[in-house]
Amino acid sequence: MIQYIPKWKRIELKNTEDGVIMFIKSTKVKDYEYINLVESYRGENGSTKHRVLYNFGRRDLLCESKS
């Protein structure tokens, strides 16, 4: 699935008509790092918000399953 995602790299999928932007993001929680597919959208008051669409799981386990 995902072998390696550098921390500085963000993969973005954009739809400019709807203003929808999705990207893959790594999130650190305690000792683990999780890989998520995230959607960026505007809230009711116009502020930018993020919503997790899919959680791929822990990064270390994804790298193990690939090898």
C-alpha atoms as a PDB file:
ATOM      1  CA  MET A   1       0.000   0.000   0.000  1.00  0.00           C
ATOM      2  CA  ILE A   2       2.153   2.922   1.237  1.00  0.00           C
ATOM      3  CA  GLN A   3       5.843   2.219   1.549  1.00  0.00           C
ATOM      4  CA  TYR A   4       7.224   5.644   2.345  1.00  0.00           C
ATOM      5  CA  ILE A   5       5.755   9.132   2.708  1.00  0.00           C
ATOM      6  CA  PRO A   6       8.301  11.840   3.478  1.00  0.00           C
ATOM      7  CA  LYS A   7       7.125  14.230   6.194  1.00  0.00           C
ATOM      8  CA  TRP A   8       7.674  17.247   3.944  1.00  0.00           C
ATOM      9  CA  LYS A   9       5.606  15.865   1.063  1.00  0.00           C
ATOM     10  CA  ARG A  10       1.853  16.341   0.811  1.00  0.00           C
ATOM     11  CA  ILE A  11      -0.145  14.763  -1.997  1.00  0.00           C
ATOM     12  CA  GLU A  12      -3.098  16.966  -2.978  1.00  0.00           C
ATOM     13  CA  LEU A  13      -6.198  16.330  -5.088  1.00  0.00           C
ATOM     14  CA  LYS A  14      -8.000  19.561  -6.029  1.00  0.00           C
ATOM     15  CA  ASN A  15     -11.401  20.377  -7.500  1.00  0.00           C
ATOM     16  CA  THR A  16     -11.466  24.135  -8.003  1.00  0.00           C
ATOM     17  CA  GLU A  17     -15.163  24.338  -8.976  1.00  0.00           C
ATOM     18  CA  ASP A  18     -16.340  23.119  -5.553  1.00  0.00           C
ATOM     19  CA  GLY A  19     -13.279  24.309  -3.675  1.00  0.00           C
ATOM     20  CA  VAL A  20     -12.674  20.737  -2.468  1.00  0.00           C
ATOM     21  CA  ILE A  21      -9.104  19.843  -1.602  1.00  0.00           C
ATOM     22  CA  MET A  22      -8.093  16.379  -0.385  1.00  0.00           C
ATOM     23  CA  PHE A  23      -4.631  15.414   0.765  1.00  0.00           C
ATOM     24  CA  ILE A  24      -2.748  12.644   2.541  1.00  0.00           C
ATOM     25  CA  LYS A  25      -1.544  13.722   5.962  1.00  0.00           C
ATOM     26  CA  SER A  26       0.495  12.046   8.666  1.00  0.00           C
ATOM     27  CA  THR A  27      -0.558  12.665  12.270  1.00  0.00           C
ATOM     28  CA  LYS A  28       1.552  11.812  15.307  1.00  0.00           C
ATOM     29  CA  VAL A  29      -0.280  10.454  18.385  1.00  0.00           C
ATOM     30  CA  LYS A  30       1.895   9.460  21.352  1.00  0.00           C
ATOM     31  CA  ASP A  31       4.554   7.109  19.909  1.00  0.00           C
ATOM     32  CA  TYR A  32       2.735   6.294  16.661  1.00  0.00           C
ATOM     33  CA  GLU A  33       2.222   8.041  13.339  1.00  0.00           C
ATOM     34  CA  TYR A  34      -1.037   7.599  11.410  1.00  0.00           C
ATOM     35  CA  ILE A  35      -1.682   8.177   7.700  1.00  0.00           C
ATOM     36  CA  ASN A  36      -5.030   9.810   6.802  1.00  0.00           C
ATOM     37  CA  LEU A  37      -6.865  11.019   3.709  1.00  0.00           C
ATOM     38  CA  VAL A  38      -8.146  14.473   4.692  1.00  0.00           C
ATOM     39  CA  GLU A  39     -10.634  16.843   3.062  1.00  0.00           C
ATOM     40  CA  SER A  40     -10.348  20.603   3.494  1.00  0.00           C
ATOM     41  CA  TYR A  41     -13.610  22.565   3.515  1.00  0.00           C
ATOM     42  CA  ARG A  42     -15.149  25.834   4.723  1.00  0.00           C
ATOM     43  CA  GLY A  43     -17.256  25.846   7.894  1.00  0.00           C
ATOM     44  CA  GLU A  44     -20.464  27.811   8.435  1.00  0.00           C
ATOM     45  CA  ASN A  45     -18.558  30.923   9.533  1.00  0.00           C
ATOM     46  CA  GLY A  46     -16.147  30.698   6.583  1.00  0.00           C
ATOM     47  CA  SER A  47     -13.209  29.247   8.506  1.00  0.00           C
ATOM     48  CA  THR A  48     -11.165  26.433   6.985  1.00  0.00           C
ATOM     49  CA  LYS A  49     -11.686  23.001   8.545  1.00  0.00           C
ATOM     50  CA  HIS A  50     -10.329  19.502   7.958  1.00  0.00           C
ATOM     51  CA  ARG A  51     -12.287  16.255   7.948  1.00  0.00           C
ATOM     52  CA  VAL A  52     -10.680  12.776   7.938  1.00  0.00           C
ATOM     53  CA  LEU A  53     -12.222  10.757   5.095  1.00  0.00           C
ATOM     54  CA  TYR A  54     -10.154   7.591   5.504  1.00  0.00           C
ATOM     55  CA  ASN A  55      -7.636   6.354   8.055  1.00  0.00           C
ATOM     56  CA  PHE A  56      -5.048   4.093   6.408  1.00  0.00           C
ATOM     57  CA  GLY A  57      -3.635   3.087   9.792  1.00  0.00           C
ATOM     58  CA  ARG A  58      -0.311   3.218  11.559  1.00  0.00           C
ATOM     59  CA  ARG A  59       2.645   4.096   9.364  1.00  0.00           C
ATOM     60  CA  ASP A  60       4.946   1.436  10.845  1.00  0.00           C
ATOM     61  CA  LEU A  61       2.402  -1.340  10.151  1.00  0.00           C
ATOM     62  CA  LEU A  62       1.809  -0.128   6.585  1.00  0.00           C
ATOM     63  CA  CYS A  63       5.546  -0.230   5.889  1.00  0.00           C
ATOM     64  CA  GLU A  64       5.809  -3.733   7.413  1.00  0.00           C
ATOM     65  CA  SER A  65       2.973  -5.134   5.290  1.00  0.00           C
ATOM     66  CA  LYS A  66       4.623  -3.844   2.094  1.00  0.00           C
ATOM     67  CA  SER A  67       7.952  -5.615   2.673  1.00  0.00           C
END
